Amino acid sequence: MEQEDRARRIVDSAVELAEQGGFEAVRLRDVAAHAGVALGTLYRRFRSKEDLLVAALDREMSGLEQRVFVRLPVGDTVLDRLTGLFTLITQNFCRKPNLARALLKALVSGHPELAHQVAGFHARLERLIVAALRGKEPTEQEPTTEAERRLAWNMDLMWFALIISWSSGVRTPEGVIEHTRDAADLMLQGWQELS
C-alpha cells in the first residue's frame, strides 16, 4: 500500500508539473521533491521522464475507459457513435493542453523500453473504437473480429496523427474532431463494402 501511495503521489506530481509547464517542466528531481520522495525511490519505480508520463497517460486512459464503458456514445449510425467517441476522447485529451503535449511527447519518444506501454495505449484506444462500432463492449463471447480490429487500428492511427497535428498548433480540437469524422466516414464506406 505504501509503495502504491508513493507511486500515485509521484504520478500526481508529474501531472501537476506537466499541466503547469509541459514536458520540460517534468524534471525527475523536481517531481521527487514535489511528491515528497527521495530521487532514488522515484528511479526504482520509473526509469525516465517518459516512463513516468506514460504511466500518467495510463491513468488518464483508465478514467476515459470507465466513462465510455459505463455510457457508450449513442447515435443512430455507426458514424454518429464513432463521432461521439472521438469527440469525447479529443475533448478529454485537449482539456489540459500542456499535459496532453507532454504525454504525446513521451508516447512518441522512441524509447524501446516503453514499446509495450505505447502498444497498450493503442490497444485500449482500439477497444474503445470497437465498442463504438458495435454499440457495446467486446466480450469473450463476442471477441473483436479481424475486420473490426483492422478498422479500429486504422482509425486509431488517423486520430493519433490528427492529435499530434493539434499539439503542433496545426489544428484545433474541433478540427481534429471534424477531420476524424470525415476520415471515419470514408473508412466505414470501404469497411461496409467488405463486410
N, C-alpha and C. Protein backbone atom coordinates (compact mmCIF):
# COMPACT_ATOMS: atom_id res chain seq x y z
N MET A 1 0.83 -1.20 0.00
CA MET A 1 0.00 0.00 0.00
C MET A 1 0.86 1.26 0.00
N GLU A 2 1.90 1.25 0.83
CA GLU A 2 2.77 2.43 0.92
C GLU A 2 3.46 2.69 -0.42
N GLN A 3 3.92 1.62 -1.09
CA GLN A 3 4.58 1.78 -2.39
C GLN A 3 3.60 2.32 -3.42
N GLU A 4 2.36 1.81 -3.39
CA GLU A 4 1.35 2.30 -4.33
C GLU A 4 1.03 3.77 -4.07
N ASP A 5 0.97 4.14 -2.80
CA ASP A 5 0.71 5.53 -2.45
C ASP A 5 1.83 6.43 -2.94
N ARG A 6 3.08 5.98 -2.78
CA ARG A 6 4.22 6.76 -3.27
C ARG A 6 4.16 6.91 -4.79
N ALA A 7 3.88 5.80 -5.47
CA ALA A 7 3.80 5.83 -6.94
C ALA A 7 2.69 6.77 -7.39
N ARG A 8 1.55 6.74 -6.69
CA ARG A 8 0.44 7.64 -7.04
C ARG A 8 0.86 9.10 -6.84
N ARG A 9 1.54 9.39 -5.73
CA ARG A 9 2.00 10.76 -5.46
C ARG A 9 3.00 11.22 -6.53
N ILE A 10 3.87 10.32 -6.95
CA ILE A 10 4.85 10.65 -7.99
C ILE A 10 4.14 10.99 -9.29
N VAL A 11 3.19 10.15 -9.69
CA VAL A 11 2.45 10.41 -10.94
C VAL A 11 1.64 11.69 -10.80
N ASP A 12 0.97 11.89 -9.66
CA ASP A 12 0.21 13.13 -9.44
C ASP A 12 1.12 14.35 -9.59
N SER A 13 2.31 14.28 -9.03
CA SER A 13 3.26 15.40 -9.11
C SER A 13 3.69 15.64 -10.54
N ALA A 14 3.97 14.58 -11.28
CA ALA A 14 4.36 14.73 -12.69
C ALA A 14 3.24 15.38 -13.50
N VAL A 15 2.01 14.95 -13.24
CA VAL A 15 0.86 15.53 -13.95
C VAL A 15 0.74 17.01 -13.62
N GLU A 16 0.86 17.35 -12.34
CA GLU A 16 0.73 18.75 -11.94
C GLU A 16 1.83 19.61 -12.58
N LEU A 17 3.06 19.12 -12.57
CA LEU A 17 4.16 19.88 -13.18
C LEU A 17 3.97 19.99 -14.69
N ALA A 18 3.52 18.92 -15.33
CA ALA A 18 3.28 18.96 -16.78
C ALA A 18 2.15 19.93 -17.12
N GLU A 19 1.10 19.96 -16.30
CA GLU A 19 0.00 20.90 -16.53
C GLU A 19 0.49 22.34 -16.45
N GLN A 20 1.44 22.59 -15.55
CA GLN A 20 1.95 23.95 -15.38
C GLN A 20 2.91 24.35 -16.50
N GLY A 21 3.82 23.45 -16.87
CA GLY A 21 4.87 23.86 -17.78
C GLY A 21 5.21 22.91 -18.91
N GLY A 22 4.41 21.89 -19.12
CA GLY A 22 4.65 20.98 -20.24
C GLY A 22 5.76 19.98 -19.95
N PHE A 23 6.24 19.35 -21.01
CA PHE A 23 7.22 18.27 -20.93
C PHE A 23 8.50 18.71 -20.21
N GLU A 24 8.99 19.90 -20.54
CA GLU A 24 10.25 20.37 -19.97
C GLU A 24 10.16 20.58 -18.46
N ALA A 25 8.96 20.84 -17.95
CA ALA A 25 8.78 21.09 -16.51
C ALA A 25 8.82 19.81 -15.68
N VAL A 26 8.78 18.66 -16.35
CA VAL A 26 8.77 17.38 -15.62
C VAL A 26 10.22 16.90 -15.48
N ARG A 27 10.94 17.54 -14.57
CA ARG A 27 12.30 17.11 -14.23
C ARG A 27 12.19 16.16 -13.05
N LEU A 28 12.84 15.02 -13.16
CA LEU A 28 12.65 13.98 -12.14
C LEU A 28 13.01 14.45 -10.74
N ARG A 29 14.03 15.26 -10.62
CA ARG A 29 14.42 15.80 -9.31
C ARG A 29 13.27 16.65 -8.74
N ASP A 30 12.65 17.46 -9.59
CA ASP A 30 11.53 18.30 -9.15
C ASP A 30 10.30 17.46 -8.82
N VAL A 31 10.06 16.42 -9.61
CA VAL A 31 8.92 15.53 -9.35
C VAL A 31 9.09 14.87 -7.99
N ALA A 32 10.29 14.35 -7.72
CA ALA A 32 10.55 13.69 -6.43
C ALA A 32 10.33 14.66 -5.27
N ALA A 33 10.86 15.87 -5.40
CA ALA A 33 10.69 16.87 -4.33
C ALA A 33 9.22 17.21 -4.14
N HIS A 34 8.52 17.42 -5.23
CA HIS A 34 7.10 17.76 -5.18
C HIS A 34 6.28 16.64 -4.54
N ALA A 35 6.66 15.39 -4.82
CA ALA A 35 5.94 14.23 -4.28
C ALA A 35 6.37 13.88 -2.86
N GLY A 36 7.47 14.48 -2.41
CA GLY A 36 7.96 14.19 -1.07
C GLY A 36 8.61 12.82 -0.95
N VAL A 37 9.30 12.41 -2.02
CA VAL A 37 10.00 11.12 -2.00
C VAL A 37 11.45 11.36 -2.41
N ALA A 38 12.30 10.42 -2.06
CA ALA A 38 13.70 10.50 -2.47
C ALA A 38 13.82 10.23 -3.97
N LEU A 39 14.81 10.83 -4.60
CA LEU A 39 15.02 10.62 -6.03
C LEU A 39 15.25 9.14 -6.34
N GLY A 40 15.96 8.44 -5.46
CA GLY A 40 16.18 7.01 -5.65
C GLY A 40 14.88 6.22 -5.64
N THR A 41 13.94 6.63 -4.82
CA THR A 41 12.62 5.98 -4.78
C THR A 41 11.91 6.14 -6.12
N LEU A 42 11.98 7.34 -6.66
CA LEU A 42 11.37 7.59 -7.97
C LEU A 42 12.02 6.70 -9.03
N TYR A 43 13.35 6.63 -9.03
CA TYR A 43 14.06 5.84 -10.04
C TYR A 43 13.82 4.34 -9.90
N ARG A 44 13.50 3.88 -8.71
CA ARG A 44 13.18 2.45 -8.55
C ARG A 44 11.87 2.11 -9.24
N ARG A 45 11.00 3.08 -9.36
CA ARG A 45 9.67 2.86 -9.96
C ARG A 45 9.62 3.28 -11.43
N PHE A 46 10.30 4.37 -11.78
CA PHE A 46 10.24 4.92 -13.14
C PHE A 46 11.65 5.13 -13.67
N ARG A 47 11.91 4.62 -14.87
CA ARG A 47 13.26 4.68 -15.45
C ARG A 47 13.59 6.05 -16.04
N SER A 48 12.55 6.79 -16.43
CA SER A 48 12.79 8.06 -17.12
C SER A 48 11.56 8.95 -17.00
N LYS A 49 11.72 10.18 -17.44
CA LYS A 49 10.59 11.12 -17.50
C LYS A 49 9.51 10.56 -18.41
N GLU A 50 9.92 9.97 -19.52
CA GLU A 50 8.95 9.42 -20.47
C GLU A 50 8.17 8.27 -19.85
N ASP A 51 8.87 7.41 -19.11
CA ASP A 51 8.22 6.29 -18.43
C ASP A 51 7.17 6.82 -17.44
N LEU A 52 7.52 7.85 -16.72
CA LEU A 52 6.61 8.46 -15.76
C LEU A 52 5.38 9.07 -16.45
N LEU A 53 5.61 9.76 -17.55
CA LEU A 53 4.49 10.38 -18.26
C LEU A 53 3.60 9.33 -18.94
N VAL A 54 4.17 8.25 -19.41
CA VAL A 54 3.35 7.17 -19.97
C VAL A 54 2.50 6.53 -18.87
N ALA A 55 3.03 6.45 -17.65
CA ALA A 55 2.23 5.97 -16.51
C ALA A 55 1.07 6.92 -16.23
N ALA A 56 1.32 8.22 -16.37
CA ALA A 56 0.24 9.21 -16.21
C ALA A 56 -0.82 9.02 -17.29
N LEU A 57 -0.38 8.76 -18.51
CA LEU A 57 -1.32 8.52 -19.61
C LEU A 57 -2.15 7.27 -19.34
N ASP A 58 -1.52 6.24 -18.80
CA ASP A 58 -2.24 5.01 -18.46
C ASP A 58 -3.38 5.31 -17.49
N ARG A 59 -3.12 6.16 -16.52
CA ARG A 59 -4.16 6.54 -15.56
C ARG A 59 -5.27 7.34 -16.24
N GLU A 60 -4.88 8.25 -17.14
CA GLU A 60 -5.88 9.03 -17.88
C GLU A 60 -6.77 8.10 -18.71
N MET A 61 -6.14 7.10 -19.35
CA MET A 61 -6.91 6.15 -20.17
C MET A 61 -7.87 5.34 -19.31
N SER A 62 -7.47 4.98 -18.11
CA SER A 62 -8.37 4.22 -17.22
C SER A 62 -9.63 5.02 -16.91
N GLY A 63 -9.46 6.30 -16.63
CA GLY A 63 -10.62 7.16 -16.38
C GLY A 63 -11.51 7.29 -17.60
N LEU A 64 -10.90 7.42 -18.76
CA LEU A 64 -11.66 7.53 -20.00
C LEU A 64 -12.44 6.25 -20.28
N GLU A 65 -11.78 5.11 -20.11
CA GLU A 65 -12.45 3.82 -20.33
C GLU A 65 -13.65 3.66 -19.40
N GLN A 66 -13.49 4.04 -18.16
CA GLN A 66 -14.61 3.92 -17.21
C GLN A 66 -15.80 4.73 -17.69
N ARG A 67 -15.54 5.95 -18.14
CA ARG A 67 -16.65 6.79 -18.63
C ARG A 67 -17.30 6.20 -19.87
N VAL A 68 -16.47 5.74 -20.81
CA VAL A 68 -17.02 5.23 -22.08
C VAL A 68 -17.78 3.94 -21.85
N PHE A 69 -17.21 3.00 -21.09
CA PHE A 69 -17.87 1.70 -20.93
C PHE A 69 -19.09 1.76 -20.02
N VAL A 70 -19.17 2.76 -19.16
CA VAL A 70 -20.38 2.94 -18.35
C VAL A 70 -21.50 3.49 -19.23
N ARG A 71 -21.13 4.39 -20.14
CA ARG A 71 -22.14 5.00 -21.01
C ARG A 71 -21.54 5.20 -22.40
N LEU A 72 -21.72 4.20 -23.25
CA LEU A 72 -21.18 4.27 -24.60
C LEU A 72 -21.82 5.41 -25.38
N PRO A 73 -21.05 6.02 -26.29
CA PRO A 73 -21.65 7.06 -27.14
C PRO A 73 -22.84 6.48 -27.92
N VAL A 74 -23.89 7.27 -28.02
CA VAL A 74 -25.09 6.82 -28.72
C VAL A 74 -25.20 7.53 -30.05
N GLY A 75 -26.02 6.98 -30.92
CA GLY A 75 -26.26 7.59 -32.21
C GLY A 75 -27.05 6.64 -33.08
N ASP A 76 -27.67 7.20 -34.09
CA ASP A 76 -28.48 6.38 -34.99
C ASP A 76 -27.61 5.55 -35.93
N THR A 77 -26.37 6.00 -36.15
CA THR A 77 -25.49 5.30 -37.08
C THR A 77 -24.15 5.00 -36.41
N VAL A 78 -23.41 4.11 -37.04
CA VAL A 78 -22.05 3.81 -36.56
C VAL A 78 -21.22 5.09 -36.58
N LEU A 79 -21.36 5.88 -37.64
CA LEU A 79 -20.59 7.12 -37.74
C LEU A 79 -20.93 8.07 -36.60
N ASP A 80 -22.21 8.15 -36.22
CA ASP A 80 -22.60 9.01 -35.09
C ASP A 80 -21.93 8.54 -33.80
N ARG A 81 -21.91 7.22 -33.57
CA ARG A 81 -21.29 6.69 -32.35
C ARG A 81 -19.78 6.94 -32.35
N LEU A 82 -19.15 6.73 -33.51
CA LEU A 82 -17.70 6.99 -33.60
C LEU A 82 -17.40 8.47 -33.39
N THR A 83 -18.21 9.32 -33.98
CA THR A 83 -18.01 10.76 -33.80
C THR A 83 -18.15 11.14 -32.32
N GLY A 84 -19.15 10.55 -31.66
CA GLY A 84 -19.31 10.79 -30.22
C GLY A 84 -18.10 10.35 -29.43
N LEU A 85 -17.57 9.17 -29.77
CA LEU A 85 -16.38 8.67 -29.08
C LEU A 85 -15.18 9.57 -29.31
N PHE A 86 -14.90 9.90 -30.57
CA PHE A 86 -13.73 10.72 -30.86
C PHE A 86 -13.89 12.15 -30.33
N THR A 87 -15.12 12.64 -30.23
CA THR A 87 -15.35 13.94 -29.60
C THR A 87 -14.97 13.87 -28.13
N LEU A 88 -15.44 12.83 -27.45
CA LEU A 88 -15.11 12.65 -26.04
C LEU A 88 -13.62 12.49 -25.81
N ILE A 89 -12.97 11.65 -26.61
CA ILE A 89 -11.53 11.41 -26.46
C ILE A 89 -10.75 12.69 -26.71
N THR A 90 -11.09 13.39 -27.78
CA THR A 90 -10.36 14.61 -28.14
C THR A 90 -10.55 15.69 -27.09
N GLN A 91 -11.78 15.91 -26.66
CA GLN A 91 -12.03 16.93 -25.64
C GLN A 91 -11.33 16.57 -24.32
N ASN A 92 -11.37 15.29 -23.96
CA ASN A 92 -10.70 14.83 -22.75
C ASN A 92 -9.20 15.09 -22.84
N PHE A 93 -8.64 14.78 -23.98
CA PHE A 93 -7.20 14.91 -24.18
C PHE A 93 -6.76 16.37 -24.21
N CYS A 94 -7.55 17.21 -24.86
CA CYS A 94 -7.14 18.60 -25.08
C CYS A 94 -7.52 19.54 -23.94
N ARG A 95 -8.24 19.05 -22.95
CA ARG A 95 -8.70 19.95 -21.88
C ARG A 95 -7.54 20.50 -21.05
N LYS A 96 -6.43 19.77 -21.02
CA LYS A 96 -5.22 20.23 -20.33
C LYS A 96 -4.09 20.21 -21.35
N PRO A 97 -3.97 21.26 -22.16
CA PRO A 97 -3.05 21.22 -23.31
C PRO A 97 -1.59 20.97 -22.97
N ASN A 98 -1.08 21.57 -21.90
CA ASN A 98 0.33 21.34 -21.55
C ASN A 98 0.58 19.88 -21.19
N LEU A 99 -0.34 19.31 -20.42
CA LEU A 99 -0.22 17.90 -20.05
C LEU A 99 -0.34 17.02 -21.29
N ALA A 100 -1.32 17.30 -22.13
CA ALA A 100 -1.52 16.49 -23.34
C ALA A 100 -0.28 16.50 -24.23
N ARG A 101 0.33 17.66 -24.42
CA ARG A 101 1.53 17.73 -25.25
C ARG A 101 2.69 16.96 -24.61
N ALA A 102 2.78 17.02 -23.29
CA ALA A 102 3.83 16.26 -22.59
C ALA A 102 3.60 14.76 -22.75
N LEU A 103 2.35 14.33 -22.64
CA LEU A 103 2.04 12.91 -22.79
C LEU A 103 2.35 12.44 -24.21
N LEU A 104 1.99 13.25 -25.20
CA LEU A 104 2.29 12.90 -26.59
C LEU A 104 3.79 12.81 -26.83
N LYS A 105 4.53 13.75 -26.29
CA LYS A 105 5.98 13.73 -26.45
C LYS A 105 6.58 12.45 -25.87
N ALA A 106 6.05 12.03 -24.73
CA ALA A 106 6.53 10.78 -24.12
C ALA A 106 6.16 9.58 -24.99
N LEU A 107 4.94 9.59 -25.53
CA LEU A 107 4.48 8.47 -26.36
C LEU A 107 5.32 8.29 -27.62
N VAL A 108 5.75 9.39 -28.21
CA VAL A 108 6.49 9.31 -29.48
C VAL A 108 7.99 9.44 -29.28
N SER A 109 8.45 9.28 -28.05
CA SER A 109 9.87 9.46 -27.74
C SER A 109 10.77 8.43 -28.40
N GLY A 110 10.22 7.28 -28.73
CA GLY A 110 11.03 6.26 -29.38
C GLY A 110 11.87 5.42 -28.44
N HIS A 111 11.62 5.52 -27.13
CA HIS A 111 12.35 4.70 -26.17
C HIS A 111 11.88 3.25 -26.28
N PRO A 112 12.75 2.33 -26.68
CA PRO A 112 12.34 0.93 -26.85
C PRO A 112 11.73 0.31 -25.58
N GLU A 113 12.19 0.74 -24.41
CA GLU A 113 11.67 0.15 -23.18
C GLU A 113 10.22 0.55 -22.91
N LEU A 114 9.71 1.52 -23.66
CA LEU A 114 8.31 1.94 -23.50
C LEU A 114 7.39 1.32 -24.55
N ALA A 115 7.95 0.54 -25.45
CA ALA A 115 7.16 -0.01 -26.56
C ALA A 115 5.92 -0.76 -26.08
N HIS A 116 6.06 -1.54 -25.03
CA HIS A 116 4.93 -2.32 -24.52
C HIS A 116 3.80 -1.40 -24.02
N GLN A 117 4.16 -0.34 -23.27
CA GLN A 117 3.15 0.59 -22.77
C GLN A 117 2.50 1.38 -23.90
N VAL A 118 3.30 1.77 -24.88
CA VAL A 118 2.75 2.52 -26.02
C VAL A 118 1.78 1.63 -26.80
N ALA A 119 2.17 0.38 -27.03
CA ALA A 119 1.28 -0.56 -27.71
C ALA A 119 0.00 -0.77 -26.90
N GLY A 120 0.13 -0.80 -25.57
CA GLY A 120 -1.03 -0.96 -24.70
C GLY A 120 -1.99 0.22 -24.81
N PHE A 121 -1.45 1.43 -24.91
CA PHE A 121 -2.31 2.61 -25.10
C PHE A 121 -3.13 2.47 -26.37
N HIS A 122 -2.47 2.10 -27.46
CA HIS A 122 -3.18 1.98 -28.73
C HIS A 122 -4.19 0.83 -28.70
N ALA A 123 -3.86 -0.27 -28.04
CA ALA A 123 -4.81 -1.39 -27.93
C ALA A 123 -6.06 -0.97 -27.16
N ARG A 124 -5.88 -0.18 -26.13
CA ARG A 124 -7.02 0.30 -25.35
C ARG A 124 -7.89 1.24 -26.18
N LEU A 125 -7.25 2.10 -26.93
CA LEU A 125 -7.99 3.01 -27.80
C LEU A 125 -8.76 2.22 -28.86
N GLU A 126 -8.13 1.21 -29.41
CA GLU A 126 -8.80 0.38 -30.41
C GLU A 126 -10.01 -0.35 -29.82
N ARG A 127 -9.91 -0.78 -28.59
CA ARG A 127 -11.05 -1.44 -27.92
C ARG A 127 -12.23 -0.47 -27.77
N LEU A 128 -11.93 0.79 -27.44
CA LEU A 128 -12.98 1.80 -27.37
C LEU A 128 -13.64 2.01 -28.72
N ILE A 129 -12.83 2.01 -29.77
CA ILE A 129 -13.35 2.20 -31.12
C ILE A 129 -14.26 1.03 -31.50
N VAL A 130 -13.85 -0.19 -31.20
CA VAL A 130 -14.69 -1.35 -31.49
C VAL A 130 -16.01 -1.26 -30.73
N ALA A 131 -15.96 -0.82 -29.48
CA ALA A 131 -17.19 -0.66 -28.70
C ALA A 131 -18.13 0.34 -29.38
N ALA A 132 -17.58 1.43 -29.90
CA ALA A 132 -18.40 2.42 -30.60
C ALA A 132 -18.94 1.84 -31.91
N LEU A 133 -18.12 1.05 -32.61
CA LEU A 133 -18.59 0.41 -33.85
C LEU A 133 -19.81 -0.47 -33.58
N ARG A 134 -19.73 -1.26 -32.52
CA ARG A 134 -20.78 -2.22 -32.19
C ARG A 134 -21.95 -1.62 -31.41
N GLY A 135 -21.65 -0.57 -30.68
CA GLY A 135 -22.65 -0.05 -29.75
C GLY A 135 -22.65 -0.81 -28.45
N LYS A 136 -21.63 -1.65 -28.25
CA LYS A 136 -21.47 -2.41 -27.00
C LYS A 136 -20.03 -2.87 -26.89
N GLU A 137 -19.63 -3.14 -25.66
CA GLU A 137 -18.25 -3.54 -25.39
C GLU A 137 -17.98 -4.96 -25.91
N PRO A 138 -16.82 -5.20 -26.54
CA PRO A 138 -16.47 -6.57 -26.93
C PRO A 138 -16.35 -7.46 -25.68
N THR A 139 -16.69 -8.71 -25.82
CA THR A 139 -16.61 -9.66 -24.70
C THR A 139 -15.87 -10.91 -25.14
N GLU A 140 -15.62 -11.79 -24.20
CA GLU A 140 -15.00 -13.07 -24.54
C GLU A 140 -15.92 -13.88 -25.45
N GLN A 141 -17.23 -13.77 -25.22
CA GLN A 141 -18.19 -14.49 -26.04
C GLN A 141 -18.30 -13.90 -27.44
N GLU A 142 -18.09 -12.61 -27.54
CA GLU A 142 -18.13 -11.92 -28.84
C GLU A 142 -16.84 -11.10 -29.00
N PRO A 143 -15.73 -11.80 -29.25
CA PRO A 143 -14.45 -11.08 -29.36
C PRO A 143 -14.40 -10.21 -30.63
N THR A 144 -13.45 -9.32 -30.63
CA THR A 144 -13.23 -8.44 -31.78
C THR A 144 -12.88 -9.28 -33.01
N THR A 145 -13.55 -8.99 -34.12
CA THR A 145 -13.24 -9.69 -35.36
C THR A 145 -12.01 -9.07 -36.01
N GLU A 146 -11.44 -9.78 -36.96
CA GLU A 146 -10.27 -9.26 -37.68
C GLU A 146 -10.63 -7.97 -38.43
N ALA A 147 -11.81 -7.94 -39.03
CA ALA A 147 -12.24 -6.73 -39.76
C ALA A 147 -12.39 -5.55 -38.81
N GLU A 148 -12.98 -5.78 -37.63
CA GLU A 148 -13.12 -4.70 -36.64
C GLU A 148 -11.76 -4.24 -36.16
N ARG A 149 -10.86 -5.19 -35.90
CA ARG A 149 -9.52 -4.85 -35.42
C ARG A 149 -8.78 -3.98 -36.43
N ARG A 150 -8.86 -4.36 -37.70
CA ARG A 150 -8.16 -3.59 -38.74
C ARG A 150 -8.75 -2.18 -38.88
N LEU A 151 -10.06 -2.09 -38.85
CA LEU A 151 -10.70 -0.78 -38.96
C LEU A 151 -10.34 0.09 -37.75
N ALA A 152 -10.43 -0.50 -36.56
CA ALA A 152 -10.10 0.26 -35.34
C ALA A 152 -8.65 0.70 -35.35
N TRP A 153 -7.75 -0.16 -35.79
CA TRP A 153 -6.32 0.17 -35.85
C TRP A 153 -6.09 1.37 -36.76
N ASN A 154 -6.73 1.37 -37.93
CA ASN A 154 -6.56 2.48 -38.86
C ASN A 154 -7.18 3.77 -38.33
N MET A 155 -8.33 3.66 -37.67
CA MET A 155 -8.95 4.86 -37.08
C MET A 155 -8.09 5.41 -35.94
N ASP A 156 -7.52 4.52 -35.15
CA ASP A 156 -6.61 4.94 -34.08
C ASP A 156 -5.44 5.72 -34.66
N LEU A 157 -4.80 5.17 -35.67
CA LEU A 157 -3.65 5.84 -36.28
C LEU A 157 -4.03 7.20 -36.87
N MET A 158 -5.19 7.25 -37.51
CA MET A 158 -5.65 8.50 -38.11
C MET A 158 -5.89 9.56 -37.02
N TRP A 159 -6.60 9.17 -35.94
CA TRP A 159 -6.85 10.13 -34.86
C TRP A 159 -5.53 10.56 -34.21
N PHE A 160 -4.64 9.60 -34.01
CA PHE A 160 -3.36 9.91 -33.37
C PHE A 160 -2.57 10.93 -34.20
N ALA A 161 -2.56 10.76 -35.50
CA ALA A 161 -1.88 11.73 -36.37
C ALA A 161 -2.52 13.10 -36.26
N LEU A 162 -3.84 13.14 -36.18
CA LEU A 162 -4.54 14.42 -36.06
C LEU A 162 -4.28 15.08 -34.71
N ILE A 163 -4.21 14.28 -33.64
CA ILE A 163 -3.97 14.88 -32.32
C ILE A 163 -2.52 15.39 -32.23
N ILE A 164 -1.62 14.75 -32.92
CA ILE A 164 -0.24 15.27 -32.98
C ILE A 164 -0.23 16.59 -33.75
N SER A 165 -1.03 16.68 -34.81
CA SER A 165 -1.09 17.95 -35.54
C SER A 165 -1.70 19.04 -34.66
N TRP A 166 -2.64 18.68 -33.78
CA TRP A 166 -3.17 19.66 -32.82
C TRP A 166 -2.05 20.12 -31.88
N SER A 167 -1.24 19.16 -31.41
CA SER A 167 -0.17 19.52 -30.46
C SER A 167 0.86 20.45 -31.09
N SER A 168 0.95 20.40 -32.42
CA SER A 168 1.88 21.27 -33.14
C SER A 168 1.26 22.62 -33.51
N GLY A 169 -0.02 22.80 -33.18
CA GLY A 169 -0.70 24.05 -33.49
C GLY A 169 -1.31 24.10 -34.88
N VAL A 170 -1.33 22.98 -35.59
CA VAL A 170 -1.86 22.95 -36.95
C VAL A 170 -3.38 22.90 -36.95
N ARG A 171 -3.96 22.18 -35.98
CA ARG A 171 -5.42 22.02 -35.93
C ARG A 171 -5.94 22.39 -34.54
N THR A 172 -7.19 22.78 -34.51
CA THR A 172 -7.90 23.00 -33.25
C THR A 172 -8.50 21.66 -32.82
N PRO A 173 -8.93 21.55 -31.57
CA PRO A 173 -9.64 20.32 -31.17
C PRO A 173 -10.87 20.06 -32.05
N GLU A 174 -11.58 21.13 -32.41
CA GLU A 174 -12.75 20.98 -33.28
C GLU A 174 -12.33 20.47 -34.66
N GLY A 175 -11.18 20.94 -35.14
CA GLY A 175 -10.67 20.46 -36.42
C GLY A 175 -10.29 18.99 -36.37
N VAL A 176 -9.72 18.57 -35.25
CA VAL A 176 -9.38 17.15 -35.08
C VAL A 176 -10.65 16.31 -35.16
N ILE A 177 -11.70 16.75 -34.47
CA ILE A 177 -12.96 16.01 -34.47
C ILE A 177 -13.56 15.97 -35.88
N GLU A 178 -13.57 17.11 -36.55
CA GLU A 178 -14.15 17.18 -37.90
C GLU A 178 -13.39 16.28 -38.88
N HIS A 179 -12.07 16.35 -38.87
CA HIS A 179 -11.27 15.53 -39.79
C HIS A 179 -11.36 14.05 -39.44
N THR A 180 -11.48 13.76 -38.15
CA THR A 180 -11.64 12.37 -37.74
C THR A 180 -12.96 11.83 -38.26
N ARG A 181 -14.01 12.62 -38.14
CA ARG A 181 -15.34 12.19 -38.65
C ARG A 181 -15.27 11.95 -40.15
N ASP A 182 -14.65 12.87 -40.90
CA ASP A 182 -14.56 12.72 -42.35
C ASP A 182 -13.80 11.44 -42.73
N ALA A 183 -12.67 11.22 -42.07
CA ALA A 183 -11.87 10.03 -42.36
C ALA A 183 -12.61 8.75 -41.96
N ALA A 184 -13.29 8.79 -40.81
CA ALA A 184 -14.05 7.62 -40.36
C ALA A 184 -15.18 7.31 -41.35
N ASP A 185 -15.81 8.35 -41.88
CA ASP A 185 -16.88 8.15 -42.87
C ASP A 185 -16.34 7.41 -44.09
N LEU A 186 -15.19 7.85 -44.58
CA LEU A 186 -14.59 7.18 -45.75
C LEU A 186 -14.20 5.74 -45.43
N MET A 187 -13.60 5.53 -44.25
CA MET A 187 -13.20 4.19 -43.87
C MET A 187 -14.40 3.26 -43.72
N LEU A 188 -15.48 3.79 -43.13
CA LEU A 188 -16.67 2.97 -42.93
C LEU A 188 -17.29 2.55 -44.26
N GLN A 189 -17.26 3.44 -45.25
CA GLN A 189 -17.80 3.07 -46.57
C GLN A 189 -17.05 1.88 -47.14
N GLY A 190 -15.74 1.90 -47.05
CA GLY A 190 -14.95 0.78 -47.53
C GLY A 190 -15.14 -0.46 -46.69
N TRP A 191 -15.26 -0.29 -45.39
CA TRP A 191 -15.44 -1.42 -44.48
C TRP A 191 -16.77 -2.11 -44.70
N GLN A 192 -17.83 -1.32 -44.90
CA GLN A 192 -19.15 -1.89 -45.10
C GLN A 192 -19.24 -2.66 -46.42
N GLU A 193 -18.46 -2.22 -47.41
CA GLU A 193 -18.42 -2.96 -48.66
C GLU A 193 -17.76 -4.32 -48.47
N LEU A 194 -16.78 -4.40 -47.56
CA LEU A 194 -16.07 -5.66 -47.32
C LEU A 194 -16.84 -6.59 -46.39
N SER A 195 -17.72 -6.02 -45.54
CA SER A 195 -18.42 -6.83 -44.53
C SER A 195 -19.55 -7.63 -45.13
